[in-house]
PDB file of N, CA and C in Angstrom:
ATOM      1  N   MET A   1    -102.591  31.491 -78.784  1.00  0.00           N
ATOM      2  CA  MET A   1    -104.012  31.674 -78.523  1.00  0.00           C
ATOM      3  C   MET A   1    -104.461  32.987 -79.179  1.00  0.00           C
ATOM      4  N   ALA A   2    -105.262  32.905 -80.200  1.00  0.00           N
ATOM      5  CA  ALA A   2    -105.708  34.106 -80.893  1.00  0.00           C
ATOM      6  C   ALA A   2    -107.082  34.517 -80.383  1.00  0.00           C
ATOM      7  N   ILE A   3    -107.255  35.798 -80.237  1.00  0.00           N
ATOM      8  CA  ILE A   3    -108.563  36.326 -79.826  1.00  0.00           C
ATOM      9  C   ILE A   3    -108.782  37.615 -80.602  1.00  0.00           C
ATOM     10  N   GLU A   4    -110.013  37.854 -80.960  1.00  0.00           N
ATOM     11  CA  GLU A   4    -110.379  39.071 -81.679  1.00  0.00           C
ATOM     12  C   GLU A   4    -110.850  40.104 -80.664  1.00  0.00           C
ATOM     13  N   TRP A   5    -110.090  41.149 -80.471  1.00  0.00           N
ATOM     14  CA  TRP A   5    -110.479  42.213 -79.547  1.00  0.00           C
ATOM     15  C   TRP A   5    -111.426  43.161 -80.257  1.00  0.00           C
ATOM     16  N   GLU A   6    -112.472  43.556 -79.567  1.00  0.00           N
ATOM     17  CA  GLU A   6    -113.460  44.484 -80.107  1.00  0.00           C
ATOM     18  C   GLU A   6    -112.932  45.913 -79.987  1.00  0.00           C
ATOM     19  N   ASP A   7    -113.342  46.767 -80.894  1.00  0.00           N
ATOM     20  CA  ASP A   7    -112.920  48.172 -80.863  1.00  0.00           C
ATOM     21  C   ASP A   7    -113.809  49.027 -79.961  1.00  0.00           C
ATOM     22  N   ASN A   8    -114.946  48.484 -79.511  1.00  0.00           N
ATOM     23  CA  ASN A   8    -115.921  49.294 -78.782  1.00  0.00           C
ATOM     24  C   ASN A   8    -115.598  49.471 -77.299  1.00  0.00           C
ATOM     25  N   GLN A   9    -114.592  48.752 -76.781  1.00  0.00           N
ATOM     26  CA  GLN A   9    -114.190  48.962 -75.390  1.00  0.00           C
ATOM     27  C   GLN A   9    -112.713  48.591 -75.237  1.00  0.00           C
ATOM     28  N   PRO A  10    -112.071  49.145 -74.225  1.00  0.00           N
ATOM     29  CA  PRO A  10    -110.642  48.887 -74.037  1.00  0.00           C
ATOM     30  C   PRO A  10    -110.340  47.392 -73.849  1.00  0.00           C
ATOM     31  N   ILE A  11    -109.166  46.983 -74.279  1.00  0.00           N
ATOM     32  CA  ILE A  11    -108.763  45.580 -74.190  1.00  0.00           C
ATOM     33  C   ILE A  11    -108.760  45.103 -72.740  1.00  0.00           C
ATOM     34  N   TYR A  12    -108.314  45.959 -71.802  1.00  0.00           N
ATOM     35  CA  TYR A  12    -108.263  45.501 -70.412  1.00  0.00           C
ATOM     36  C   TYR A  12    -109.660  45.141 -69.895  1.00  0.00           C
ATOM     37  N   ARG A  13    -110.686  45.859 -70.344  1.00  0.00           N
ATOM     38  CA  ARG A  13    -112.056  45.531 -69.917  1.00  0.00           C
ATOM     39  C   ARG A  13    -112.517  44.222 -70.551  1.00  0.00           C
ATOM     40  N   GLN A  14    -112.166  44.027 -71.804  1.00  0.00           N
ATOM     41  CA  GLN A  14    -112.523  42.779 -72.474  1.00  0.00           C
ATOM     42  C   GLN A  14    -111.825  41.596 -71.802  1.00  0.00           C
ATOM     43  N   LEU A  15    -110.571  41.799 -71.416  1.00  0.00           N
ATOM     44  CA  LEU A  15    -109.834  40.752 -70.722  1.00  0.00           C
ATOM     45  C   LEU A  15    -110.437  40.487 -69.345  1.00  0.00           C
ATOM     46  N   ARG A  16    -110.783  41.553 -68.648  1.00  0.00           N
ATOM     47  CA  ARG A  16    -111.450  41.417 -67.345  1.00  0.00           C
ATOM     48  C   ARG A  16    -112.734  40.606 -67.504  1.00  0.00           C
ATOM     49  N   ASP A  17    -113.529  40.929 -68.523  1.00  0.00           N
ATOM     50  CA  ASP A  17    -114.782  40.209 -68.768  1.00  0.00           C
ATOM     51  C   ASP A  17    -114.530  38.741 -69.108  1.00  0.00           C
ATOM     52  N   LEU A  18    -113.433  38.466 -69.809  1.00  0.00           N
ATOM     53  CA  LEU A  18    -113.072  37.090 -70.144  1.00  0.00           C
ATOM     54  C   LEU A  18    -112.730  36.303 -68.874  1.00  0.00           C
ATOM     55  N   VAL A  19    -111.981  36.917 -67.967  1.00  0.00           N
ATOM     56  CA  VAL A  19    -111.656  36.254 -66.700  1.00  0.00           C
ATOM     57  C   VAL A  19    -112.928  36.030 -65.892  1.00  0.00           C
ATOM     58  N   VAL A  20    -113.816  37.016 -65.859  1.00  0.00           N
ATOM     59  CA  VAL A  20    -115.093  36.874 -65.156  1.00  0.00           C
ATOM     60  C   VAL A  20    -115.872  35.690 -65.736  1.00  0.00           C
ATOM     61  N   GLN A  21    -115.931  35.609 -67.039  1.00  0.00           N
ATOM     62  CA  GLN A  21    -116.635  34.502 -67.705  1.00  0.00           C
ATOM     63  C   GLN A  21    -116.039  33.161 -67.290  1.00  0.00           C
ATOM     64  N   ARG A  22    -114.722  33.101 -67.225  1.00  0.00           N
ATOM     65  CA  ARG A  22    -114.061  31.844 -66.871  1.00  0.00           C
ATOM     66  C   ARG A  22    -114.253  31.490 -65.401  1.00  0.00           C
ATOM     67  N   ILE A  23    -114.399  32.486 -64.557  1.00  0.00           N
ATOM     68  CA  ILE A  23    -114.720  32.209 -63.158  1.00  0.00           C
ATOM     69  C   ILE A  23    -116.150  31.661 -63.083  1.00  0.00           C
ATOM     70  N   MET A  24    -117.056  32.297 -63.824  1.00  0.00           N
ATOM     71  CA  MET A  24    -118.462  31.881 -63.797  1.00  0.00           C
ATOM     72  C   MET A  24    -118.659  30.474 -64.360  1.00  0.00           C
ATOM     73  N   ASP A  25    -117.917  30.127 -65.418  1.00  0.00           N
ATOM     74  CA  ASP A  25    -118.124  28.798 -66.006  1.00  0.00           C
ATOM     75  C   ASP A  25    -117.268  27.714 -65.339  1.00  0.00           C
ATOM     76  N   GLY A  26    -116.465  28.115 -64.343  1.00  0.00           N
ATOM     77  CA  GLY A  26    -115.690  27.140 -63.588  1.00  0.00           C
ATOM     78  C   GLY A  26    -114.320  26.831 -64.156  1.00  0.00           C
ATOM     79  N   THR A  27    -113.959  27.433 -65.285  1.00  0.00           N
ATOM     80  CA  THR A  27    -112.629  27.220 -65.851  1.00  0.00           C
ATOM     81  C   THR A  27    -111.557  27.663 -64.854  1.00  0.00           C
ATOM     82  N   PHE A  28    -111.786  28.808 -64.204  1.00  0.00           N
ATOM     83  CA  PHE A  28    -110.915  29.282 -63.131  1.00  0.00           C
ATOM     84  C   PHE A  28    -111.668  29.046 -61.816  1.00  0.00           C
ATOM     85  N   ALA A  29    -111.291  27.999 -61.115  1.00  0.00           N
ATOM     86  CA  ALA A  29    -111.987  27.618 -59.888  1.00  0.00           C
ATOM     87  C   ALA A  29    -111.544  28.470 -58.705  1.00  0.00           C
ATOM     88  N   GLU A  30    -112.435  28.599 -57.727  1.00  0.00           N
ATOM     89  CA  GLU A  30    -112.113  29.335 -56.510  1.00  0.00           C
ATOM     90  C   GLU A  30    -110.921  28.690 -55.823  1.00  0.00           C
ATOM     91  N   GLY A  31    -110.006  29.524 -55.376  1.00  0.00           N
ATOM     92  CA  GLY A  31    -108.810  29.046 -54.703  1.00  0.00           C
ATOM     93  C   GLY A  31    -107.676  28.662 -55.634  1.00  0.00           C
ATOM     94  N   GLU A  32    -107.952  28.628 -56.920  1.00  0.00           N
ATOM     95  CA  GLU A  32    -106.935  28.249 -57.900  1.00  0.00           C
ATOM     96  C   GLU A  32    -106.271  29.487 -58.492  1.00  0.00           C
ATOM     97  N   ALA A  33    -105.047  29.301 -58.948  1.00  0.00           N
ATOM     98  CA  ALA A  33    -104.303  30.387 -59.585  1.00  0.00           C
ATOM     99  C   ALA A  33    -104.846  30.655 -60.986  1.00  0.00           C
ATOM    100  N   VAL A  34    -104.815  31.915 -61.375  1.00  0.00           N
ATOM    101  CA  VAL A  34    -105.115  32.286 -62.762  1.00  0.00           C
ATOM    102  C   VAL A  34    -103.775  32.423 -63.475  1.00  0.00           C
ATOM    103  N   PRO A  35    -103.757  32.373 -64.797  1.00  0.00           N
ATOM    104  CA  PRO A  35    -102.492  32.518 -65.513  1.00  0.00           C
ATOM    105  C   PRO A  35    -101.789  33.824 -65.135  1.00  0.00           C
ATOM    106  N   SER A  36    -100.474  33.788 -65.128  1.00  0.00           N
ATOM    107  CA  SER A  36     -99.694  34.963 -64.751  1.00  0.00           C
ATOM    108  C   SER A  36     -99.874  36.087 -65.767  1.00  0.00           C
ATOM    109  N   VAL A  37     -99.580  37.285 -65.312  1.00  0.00           N
ATOM    110  CA  VAL A  37     -99.657  38.452 -66.187  1.00  0.00           C
ATOM    111  C   VAL A  37     -98.780  38.239 -67.415  1.00  0.00           C
ATOM    112  N   ARG A  38     -97.567  37.778 -67.199  1.00  0.00           N
ATOM    113  CA  ARG A  38     -96.647  37.552 -68.328  1.00  0.00           C
ATOM    114  C   ARG A  38     -97.181  36.505 -69.292  1.00  0.00           C
ATOM    115  N   GLN A  39     -97.745  35.434 -68.744  1.00  0.00           N
ATOM    116  CA  GLN A  39     -98.280  34.368 -69.593  1.00  0.00           C
ATOM    117  C   GLN A  39     -99.445  34.877 -70.445  1.00  0.00           C
ATOM    118  N   VAL A  40    -100.363  35.609 -69.824  1.00  0.00           N
ATOM    119  CA  VAL A  40    -101.515  36.144 -70.560  1.00  0.00           C
ATOM    120  C   VAL A  40    -101.050  37.139 -71.627  1.00  0.00           C
ATOM    121  N   ALA A  41    -100.110  37.997 -71.257  1.00  0.00           N
ATOM    122  CA  ALA A  41     -99.578  38.976 -72.217  1.00  0.00           C
ATOM    123  C   ALA A  41     -98.963  38.271 -73.421  1.00  0.00           C
ATOM    124  N   ALA A  42     -98.216  37.201 -73.171  1.00  0.00           N
ATOM    125  CA  ALA A  42     -97.592  36.454 -74.265  1.00  0.00           C
ATOM    126  C   ALA A  42     -98.639  35.710 -75.091  1.00  0.00           C
ATOM    127  N   ASP A  43     -99.588  35.052 -74.408  1.00  0.00           N
ATOM    128  CA  ASP A  43    -100.609  34.269 -75.112  1.00  0.00           C
ATOM    129  C   ASP A  43    -101.464  35.127 -76.036  1.00  0.00           C
ATOM    130  N   TYR A  44    -101.859  36.303 -75.551  1.00  0.00           N
ATOM    131  CA  TYR A  44    -102.764  37.157 -76.319  1.00  0.00           C
ATOM    132  C   TYR A  44    -102.044  38.279 -77.059  1.00  0.00           C
ATOM    133  N   GLN A  45    -100.720  38.298 -76.937  1.00  0.00           N
ATOM    134  CA  GLN A  45     -99.895  39.307 -77.603  1.00  0.00           C
ATOM    135  C   GLN A  45    -100.369  40.723 -77.290  1.00  0.00           C
ATOM    136  N   ILE A  46    -100.509  40.986 -75.978  1.00  0.00           N
ATOM    137  CA  ILE A  46    -100.881  42.312 -75.513  1.00  0.00           C
ATOM    138  C   ILE A  46     -99.878  42.758 -74.457  1.00  0.00           C
ATOM    139  N   ASN A  47     -99.885  44.036 -74.173  1.00  0.00           N
ATOM    140  CA  ASN A  47     -98.966  44.613 -73.205  1.00  0.00           C
ATOM    141  C   ASN A  47     -99.249  44.079 -71.810  1.00  0.00           C
ATOM    142  N   HIS A  48     -98.191  43.783 -71.049  1.00  0.00           N
ATOM    143  CA  HIS A  48     -98.367  43.270 -69.693  1.00  0.00           C
ATOM    144  C   HIS A  48     -99.056  44.279 -68.778  1.00  0.00           C
ATOM    145  N   LEU A  49     -98.916  45.578 -69.077  1.00  0.00           N
ATOM    146  CA  LEU A  49     -99.605  46.594 -68.271  1.00  0.00           C
ATOM    147  C   LEU A  49    -101.122  46.509 -68.461  1.00  0.00           C
ATOM    148  N   THR A  50    -101.543  46.133 -69.655  1.00  0.00           N
ATOM    149  CA  THR A  50    -102.969  45.944 -69.942  1.00  0.00           C
ATOM    150  C   THR A  50    -103.518  44.789 -69.111  1.00  0.00           C
ATOM    151  N   VAL A  51    -102.770  43.697 -69.070  1.00  0.00           N
ATOM    152  CA  VAL A  51    -103.187  42.536 -68.272  1.00  0.00           C
ATOM    153  C   VAL A  51    -103.209  42.912 -66.796  1.00  0.00           C
ATOM    154  N   GLY A  52    -102.180  43.627 -66.360  1.00  0.00           N
ATOM    155  CA  GLY A  52    -102.111  44.057 -64.965  1.00  0.00           C
ATOM    156  C   GLY A  52    -103.292  44.913 -64.565  1.00  0.00           C
ATOM    157  N   LYS A  53    -103.714  45.793 -65.465  1.00  0.00           N
ATOM    158  CA  LYS A  53    -104.864  46.665 -65.178  1.00  0.00           C
ATOM    159  C   LYS A  53    -106.149  45.844 -65.054  1.00  0.00           C
ATOM    160  N   ALA A  54    -106.320  44.872 -65.924  1.00  0.00           N
ATOM    161  CA  ALA A  54    -107.510  44.005 -65.859  1.00  0.00           C
ATOM    162  C   ALA A  54    -107.509  43.218 -64.553  1.00  0.00           C
ATOM    163  N   TYR A  55    -106.370  42.636 -64.214  1.00  0.00           N
ATOM    164  CA  TYR A  55    -106.265  41.870 -62.974  1.00  0.00           C
ATOM    165  C   TYR A  55    -106.485  42.765 -61.759  1.00  0.00           C
ATOM    166  N   GLN A  56    -105.937  43.993 -61.794  1.00  0.00           N
ATOM    167  CA  GLN A  56    -106.090  44.890 -60.653  1.00  0.00           C
ATOM    168  C   GLN A  56    -107.559  45.230 -60.418  1.00  0.00           C
ATOM    169  N   GLU A  57    -108.325  45.423 -61.477  1.00  0.00           N
ATOM    170  CA  GLU A  57    -109.755  45.677 -61.308  1.00  0.00           C
ATOM    171  C   GLU A  57    -110.442  44.494 -60.631  1.00  0.00           C
ATOM    172  N   LEU A  58    -110.016  43.292 -60.985  1.00  0.00           N
ATOM    173  CA  LEU A  58    -110.605  42.090 -60.378  1.00  0.00           C
ATOM    174  C   LEU A  58    -110.174  41.942 -58.918  1.00  0.00           C
ATOM    175  N   VAL A  59    -108.979  42.396 -58.592  1.00  0.00           N
ATOM    176  CA  VAL A  59    -108.531  42.421 -57.196  1.00  0.00           C
ATOM    177  C   VAL A  59    -109.367  43.445 -56.432  1.00  0.00           C
ATOM    178  N   ASP A  60    -109.544  44.625 -57.032  1.00  0.00           N
ATOM    179  CA  ASP A  60    -110.301  45.708 -56.383  1.00  0.00           C
ATOM    180  C   ASP A  60    -111.749  45.306 -56.095  1.00  0.00           C
ATOM    181  N   THR A  61    -112.314  44.457 -56.940  1.00  0.00           N
ATOM    182  CA  THR A  61    -113.700  44.021 -56.724  1.00  0.00           C
ATOM    183  C   THR A  61    -113.781  42.754 -55.877  1.00  0.00           C
ATOM    184  N   GLY A  62    -112.630  42.241 -55.453  1.00  0.00           N
ATOM    185  CA  GLY A  62    -112.613  41.094 -54.557  1.00  0.00           C
ATOM    186  C   GLY A  62    -112.745  39.744 -55.231  1.00  0.00           C
ATOM    187  N   LEU A  63    -112.557  39.689 -56.546  1.00  0.00           N
ATOM    188  CA  LEU A  63    -112.670  38.418 -57.258  1.00  0.00           C
ATOM    189  C   LEU A  63    -111.341  37.677 -57.335  1.00  0.00           C
ATOM    190  N   LEU A  64    -110.247  38.432 -57.347  1.00  0.00           N
ATOM    191  CA  LEU A  64    -108.908  37.861 -57.341  1.00  0.00           C
ATOM    192  C   LEU A  64    -108.163  38.391 -56.136  1.00  0.00           C
ATOM    193  N   GLU A  65    -107.174  37.622 -55.685  1.00  0.00           N
ATOM    194  CA  GLU A  65    -106.304  38.091 -54.618  1.00  0.00           C
ATOM    195  C   GLU A  65    -104.862  37.812 -55.001  1.00  0.00           C
ATOM    196  N   LYS A  66    -103.983  38.741 -54.605  1.00  0.00           N
ATOM    197  CA  LYS A  66    -102.555  38.581 -54.856  1.00  0.00           C
ATOM    198  C   LYS A  66    -101.948  37.800 -53.704  1.00  0.00           C
ATOM    199  N   ARG A  67    -101.143  36.823 -54.045  1.00  0.00           N
ATOM    200  CA  ARG A  67    -100.377  36.097 -53.033  1.00  0.00           C
ATOM    201  C   ARG A  67     -98.911  36.299 -53.372  1.00  0.00           C
ATOM    202  N   ARG A  68     -98.241  37.014 -52.486  1.00  0.00           N
ATOM    203  CA  ARG A  68     -96.856  37.393 -52.732  1.00  0.00           C
ATOM    204  C   ARG A  68     -96.011  36.172 -53.103  1.00  0.00           C
ATOM    205  N   GLY A  69     -95.355  36.302 -54.245  1.00  0.00           N
ATOM    206  CA  GLY A  69     -94.471  35.247 -54.722  1.00  0.00           C
ATOM    207  C   GLY A  69     -95.173  34.074 -55.381  1.00  0.00           C
ATOM    208  N   LEU A  70     -96.497  34.060 -55.346  1.00  0.00           N
ATOM    209  CA  LEU A  70     -97.255  32.933 -55.909  1.00  0.00           C
ATOM    210  C   LEU A  70     -98.115  33.332 -57.100  1.00  0.00           C
ATOM    211  N   GLY A  71     -98.575  34.569 -57.137  1.00  0.00           N
ATOM    212  CA  GLY A  71     -99.412  35.020 -58.243  1.00  0.00           C
ATOM    213  C   GLY A  71    -100.797  35.435 -57.802  1.00  0.00           C
ATOM    214  N   MET A  72    -101.717  35.387 -58.745  1.00  0.00           N
ATOM    215  CA  MET A  72    -103.111  35.779 -58.518  1.00  0.00           C
ATOM    216  C   MET A  72    -103.973  34.530 -58.404  1.00  0.00           C
ATOM    217  N   PHE A  73    -104.915  34.587 -57.459  1.00  0.00           N
ATOM    218  CA  PHE A  73    -105.799  33.459 -57.213  1.00  0.00           C
ATOM    219  C   PHE A  73    -107.247  33.937 -57.155  1.00  0.00           C
ATOM    220  N   VAL A  74    -108.152  33.059 -57.589  1.00  0.00           N
ATOM    221  CA  VAL A  74    -109.582  33.350 -57.502  1.00  0.00           C
ATOM    222  C   VAL A  74    -109.975  33.255 -56.029  1.00  0.00           C
ATOM    223  N   THR A  75    -110.673  34.266 -55.533  1.00  0.00           N
ATOM    224  CA  THR A  75    -111.067  34.284 -54.125  1.00  0.00           C
ATOM    225  C   THR A  75    -112.210  33.309 -53.859  1.00  0.00           C
ATOM    226  N   SER A  76    -112.296  32.896 -52.619  1.00  0.00           N
ATOM    227  CA  SER A  76    -113.391  32.046 -52.184  1.00  0.00           C
ATOM    228  C   SER A  76    -114.681  32.870 -52.246  1.00  0.00           C
ATOM    229  N   GLY A  77    -115.718  32.331 -52.828  1.00  0.00           N
ATOM    230  CA  GLY A  77    -116.990  33.035 -52.950  1.00  0.00           C
ATOM    231  C   GLY A  77    -117.114  33.891 -54.199  1.00  0.00           C
ATOM    232  N   ALA A  78    -116.066  33.912 -55.030  1.00  0.00           N
ATOM    233  CA  ALA A  78    -116.085  34.760 -56.232  1.00  0.00           C
ATOM    234  C   ALA A  78    -117.216  34.377 -57.179  1.00  0.00           C
ATOM    235  N   ARG A  79    -117.392  33.089 -57.403  1.00  0.00           N
ATOM    236  CA  ARG A  79    -118.419  32.646 -58.359  1.00  0.00           C
ATOM    237  C   ARG A  79    -119.816  33.004 -57.875  1.00  0.00           C
ATOM    238  N   GLY A  80    -120.078  32.789 -56.592  1.00  0.00           N
ATOM    239  CA  GLY A  80    -121.385  33.135 -56.037  1.00  0.00           C
ATOM    240  C   GLY A  80    -121.657  34.618 -56.119  1.00  0.00           C
ATOM    241  N   SER A  81    -120.633  35.410 -55.839  1.00  0.00           N
ATOM    242  CA  SER A  81    -120.760  36.862 -55.918  1.00  0.00           C
ATOM    243  C   SER A  81    -121.060  37.292 -57.349  1.00  0.00           C
ATOM    244  N   LEU A  82    -120.335  36.711 -58.299  1.00  0.00           N
ATOM    245  CA  LEU A  82    -120.558  37.039 -59.706  1.00  0.00           C
ATOM    246  C   LEU A  82    -121.944  36.624 -60.156  1.00  0.00           C
ATOM    247  N   THR A  83    -122.366  35.436 -59.761  1.00  0.00           N
ATOM    248  CA  THR A  83    -123.684  34.951 -60.156  1.00  0.00           C
ATOM    249  C   THR A  83    -124.762  35.896 -59.649  1.00  0.00           C
ATOM    250  N   SER A  84    -124.646  36.301 -58.406  1.00  0.00           N
ATOM    251  CA  SER A  84    -125.605  37.231 -57.817  1.00  0.00           C
ATOM    252  C   SER A  84    -125.610  38.557 -58.571  1.00  0.00           C
ATOM    253  N   ASN A  85    -124.417  39.081 -58.838  1.00  0.00           N
ATOM    254  CA  ASN A  85    -124.304  40.358 -59.559  1.00  0.00           C
ATOM    255  C   ASN A  85    -124.833  40.251 -60.983  1.00  0.00           C
ATOM    256  N   GLU A  86    -124.517  39.154 -61.647  1.00  0.00           N
ATOM    257  CA  GLU A  86    -124.964  38.971 -63.026  1.00  0.00           C
ATOM    258  C   GLU A  86    -126.479  38.798 -63.101  1.00  0.00           C
ATOM    259  N   LYS A  87    -127.062  38.099 -62.126  1.00  0.00           N
ATOM    260  CA  LYS A  87    -128.520  37.960 -62.098  1.00  0.00           C
ATOM    261  C   LYS A  87    -129.169  39.326 -61.936  1.00  0.00           C
ATOM    262  N   GLN A  88    -128.614  40.133 -61.041  1.00  0.00           N
ATOM    263  CA  GLN A  88    -129.165  41.468 -60.815  1.00  0.00           C
ATOM    264  C   GLN A  88    -129.049  42.312 -62.081  1.00  0.00           C
ATOM    265  N   ARG A  89    -127.892  42.246 -62.746  1.00  0.00           N
ATOM    266  CA  ARG A  89    -127.697  43.007 -63.986  1.00  0.00           C
ATOM    267  C   ARG A  89    -128.668  42.521 -65.063  1.00  0.00           C
ATOM    268  N   PHE A  90    -128.874  41.208 -65.151  1.00  0.00           N
ATOM    269  CA  PHE A  90    -129.818  40.656 -66.117  1.00  0.00           C
ATOM    270  C   PHE A  90    -131.215  41.195 -65.880  1.00  0.00           C
ATOM    271  N   VAL A  91    -131.656  41.175 -64.620  1.00  0.00           N
ATOM    272  CA  VAL A  91    -133.006  41.629 -64.279  1.00  0.00           C
ATOM    273  C   VAL A  91    -133.157  43.128 -64.531  1.00  0.00           C
ATOM    274  N   GLU A  92    -132.126  43.896 -64.225  1.00  0.00           N
ATOM    275  CA  GLU A  92    -132.224  45.352 -64.348  1.00  0.00           C
ATOM    276  C   GLU A  92    -131.975  45.874 -65.750  1.00  0.00           C
ATOM    277  N   GLU A  93    -131.134  45.187 -66.536  1.00  0.00           N
ATOM    278  CA  GLU A  93    -130.750  45.716 -67.841  1.00  0.00           C
ATOM    279  C   GLU A  93    -131.220  44.862 -69.019  1.00  0.00           C
ATOM    280  N   GLU A  94    -130.878  43.594 -69.007  1.00  0.00           N
ATOM    281  CA  GLU A  94    -131.149  42.750 -70.164  1.00  0.00           C
ATOM    282  C   GLU A  94    -132.614  42.359 -70.289  1.00  0.00           C
ATOM    283  N   LEU A  95    -133.242  42.000 -69.189  1.00  0.00           N
ATOM    284  CA  LEU A  95    -134.635  41.577 -69.237  1.00  0.00           C
ATOM    285  C   LEU A  95    -135.565  42.688 -69.730  1.00  0.00           C
ATOM    286  N   PRO A  96    -135.439  43.914 -69.212  1.00  0.00           N
ATOM    287  CA  PRO A  96    -136.302  44.979 -69.741  1.00  0.00           C
ATOM    288  C   PRO A  96    -136.104  45.217 -71.241  1.00  0.00           C
ATOM    289  N   ALA A  97    -134.857  45.120 -71.699  1.00  0.00           N
ATOM    290  CA  ALA A  97    -134.596  45.297 -73.132  1.00  0.00           C
ATOM    291  C   ALA A  97    -135.231  44.158 -73.932  1.00  0.00           C
ATOM    292  N   PHE A  98    -135.159  42.950 -73.407  1.00  0.00           N
ATOM    293  CA  PHE A  98    -135.765  41.786 -74.042  1.00  0.00           C
ATOM    294  C   PHE A  98    -137.286  41.951 -74.131  1.00  0.00           C
ATOM    295  N   VAL A  99    -137.883  42.346 -73.020  1.00  0.00           N
ATOM    296  CA  VAL A  99    -139.335  42.539 -72.978  1.00  0.00           C
ATOM    297  C   VAL A  99    -139.755  43.637 -73.956  1.00  0.00           C
ATOM    298  N   GLN A 100    -139.000  44.715 -73.981  1.00  0.00           N
ATOM    299  CA  GLN A 100    -139.301  45.823 -74.902  1.00  0.00           C
ATOM    300  C   GLN A 100    -139.212  45.361 -76.354  1.00  0.00           C
ATOM    301  N   ARG A 101    -138.176  44.578 -76.661  1.00  0.00           N
ATOM    302  CA  ARG A 101    -137.995  44.078 -78.023  1.00  0.00           C
ATOM    303  C   ARG A 101    -139.162  43.166 -78.414  1.00  0.00           C
ATOM    304  N   ALA A 102    -139.579  42.283 -77.509  1.00  0.00           N
ATOM    305  CA  ALA A 102    -140.715  41.394 -77.783  1.00  0.00           C
ATOM    306  C   ALA A 102    -141.980  42.212 -78.010  1.00  0.00           C
ATOM    307  N   HIS A 103    -142.160  43.258 -77.212  1.00  0.00           N
ATOM    308  CA  HIS A 103    -143.335  44.139 -77.359  1.00  0.00           C
ATOM    309  C   HIS A 103    -143.326  44.827 -78.720  1.00  0.00           C
ATOM    310  N   VAL A 104    -142.176  45.349 -79.118  1.00  0.00           N
ATOM    311  CA  VAL A 104    -142.052  46.028 -80.418  1.00  0.00           C
ATOM    312  C   VAL A 104    -142.367  45.060 -81.555  1.00  0.00           C
ATOM    313  N   LEU A 105    -141.992  43.799 -81.378  1.00  0.00           N
ATOM    314  CA  LEU A 105    -142.262  42.791 -82.405  1.00  0.00           C
ATOM    315  C   LEU A 105    -143.701  42.282 -82.361  1.00  0.00           C
ATOM    316  N   GLY A 106    -144.479  42.766 -81.400  1.00  0.00           N
ATOM    317  CA  GLY A 106    -145.881  42.376 -81.303  1.00  0.00           C
ATOM    318  C   GLY A 106    -146.087  40.986 -80.732  1.00  0.00           C
ATOM    319  N   MET A 107    -145.148  40.511 -79.964  1.00  0.00           N
ATOM    320  CA  MET A 107    -145.249  39.168 -79.394  1.00  0.00           C
ATOM    321  C   MET A 107    -146.023  39.208 -78.081  1.00  0.00           C
ATOM    322  N   GLU A 108    -146.876  38.232 -77.908  1.00  0.00           N
ATOM    323  CA  GLU A 108    -147.626  38.083 -76.664  1.00  0.00           C
ATOM    324  C   GLU A 108    -146.733  37.396 -75.633  1.00  0.00           C
ATOM    325  N   LEU A 109    -146.995  37.687 -74.354  1.00  0.00           N
ATOM    326  CA  LEU A 109    -146.219  37.087 -73.272  1.00  0.00           C
ATOM    327  C   LEU A 109    -146.261  35.563 -73.333  1.00  0.00           C
ATOM    328  N   SER A 110    -147.442  35.012 -73.605  1.00  0.00           N
ATOM    329  CA  SER A 110    -147.581  33.547 -73.661  1.00  0.00           C
ATOM    330  C   SER A 110    -146.721  32.953 -74.785  1.00  0.00           C
ATOM    331  N   GLU A 111    -146.637  33.664 -75.900  1.00  0.00           N
ATOM    332  CA  GLU A 111    -145.819  33.213 -77.022  1.00  0.00           C
ATOM    333  C   GLU A 111    -144.340  33.209 -76.621  1.00  0.00           C
ATOM    334  N   VAL A 112    -143.901  34.260 -75.924  1.00  0.00           N
ATOM    335  CA  VAL A 112    -142.514  34.360 -75.475  1.00  0.00           C
ATOM    336  C   VAL A 112    -142.201  33.240 -74.487  1.00  0.00           C
ATOM    337  N   VAL A 113    -143.107  32.992 -73.550  1.00  0.00           N
ATOM    338  CA  VAL A 113    -142.911  31.929 -72.554  1.00  0.00           C
ATOM    339  C   VAL A 113    -142.807  30.573 -73.254  1.00  0.00           C
ATOM    340  N   ASP A 114    -143.695  30.318 -74.206  1.00  0.00           N
ATOM    341  CA  ASP A 114    -143.649  29.057 -74.948  1.00  0.00           C
ATOM    342  C   ASP A 114    -142.310  28.884 -75.665  1.00  0.00           C
ATOM    343  N   LEU A 115    -141.830  29.948 -76.284  1.00  0.00           N
ATOM    344  CA  LEU A 115    -140.543  29.882 -76.982  1.00  0.00           C
ATOM    345  C   LEU A 115    -139.389  29.652 -76.014  1.00  0.00           C
ATOM    346  N   LEU A 116    -139.435  30.297 -74.852  1.00  0.00           N
ATOM    347  CA  LEU A 116    -138.389  30.098 -73.848  1.00  0.00           C
ATOM    348  C   LEU A 116    -138.374  28.656 -73.368  1.00  0.00           C
ATOM    349  N   LEU A 117    -139.557  28.117 -73.079  1.00  0.00           N
ATOM    350  CA  LEU A 117    -139.640  26.726 -72.615  1.00  0.00           C
ATOM    351  C   LEU A 117    -139.172  25.759 -73.695  1.00  0.00           C
ATOM    352  N   GLU A 118    -139.546  26.056 -74.924  1.00  0.00           N
ATOM    353  CA  GLU A 118    -139.137  25.204 -76.054  1.00  0.00           C
ATOM    354  C   GLU A 118    -137.624  25.234 -76.210  1.00  0.00           C
ATOM    355  N   THR A 119    -137.038  26.414 -76.050  1.00  0.00           N
ATOM    356  CA  THR A 119    -135.584  26.559 -76.180  1.00  0.00           C
ATOM    357  C   THR A 119    -134.867  25.758 -75.114  1.00  0.00           C
ATOM    358  N   ARG A 120    -135.426  25.701 -73.922  1.00  0.00           N
ATOM    359  CA  ARG A 120    -134.822  24.919 -72.835  1.00  0.00           C
ATOM    360  C   ARG A 120    -135.158  23.437 -72.930  1.00  0.00           C
ATOM    361  N   GLY A 121    -136.021  23.071 -73.862  1.00  0.00           N
ATOM    362  CA  GLY A 121    -136.398  21.677 -74.008  1.00  0.00           C
ATOM    363  C   GLY A 121    -137.475  21.231 -73.045  1.00  0.00           C
ATOM    364  N   GLU A 122    -138.245  22.187 -72.543  1.00  0.00           N
ATOM    365  CA  GLU A 122    -139.326  21.874 -71.613  1.00  0.00           C
ATOM    366  C   GLU A 122    -140.654  22.247 -72.248  1.00  0.00           C
ATOM    367  N   GLU A 123    -141.692  21.586 -71.813  1.00  0.00           N
ATOM    368  CA  GLU A 123    -143.042  21.981 -72.210  1.00  0.00           C
ATOM    369  C   GLU A 123    -144.051  21.358 -71.305  1.00  0.00           C
TER     370      GLU A 123
END
């Protein structure tokens, strides 16, 4: 499994974000095991300590739980928690940047709304 790691942030954070993405899209379902540290390290050809650090951050935030002798599992409610957090981050960070960019480009709100609806296939 090849992946291109970005230079702008540590690999463990990129891996953490990848696991978060997979929880959000349902690839890693609540209550199910995630791949082992050794498996991820081998698949992505990265140090097992890097994988461990990414997983530990997810444990610390309550998205993963360690089960002795069994591995790491996605916690119940993880997806809902992530969705809530991601919506808040979108509203606080991404949306203002989007609105500012549209303003700089001289776009009217109605034009932006029309484009959004068109992109979703609604009108």
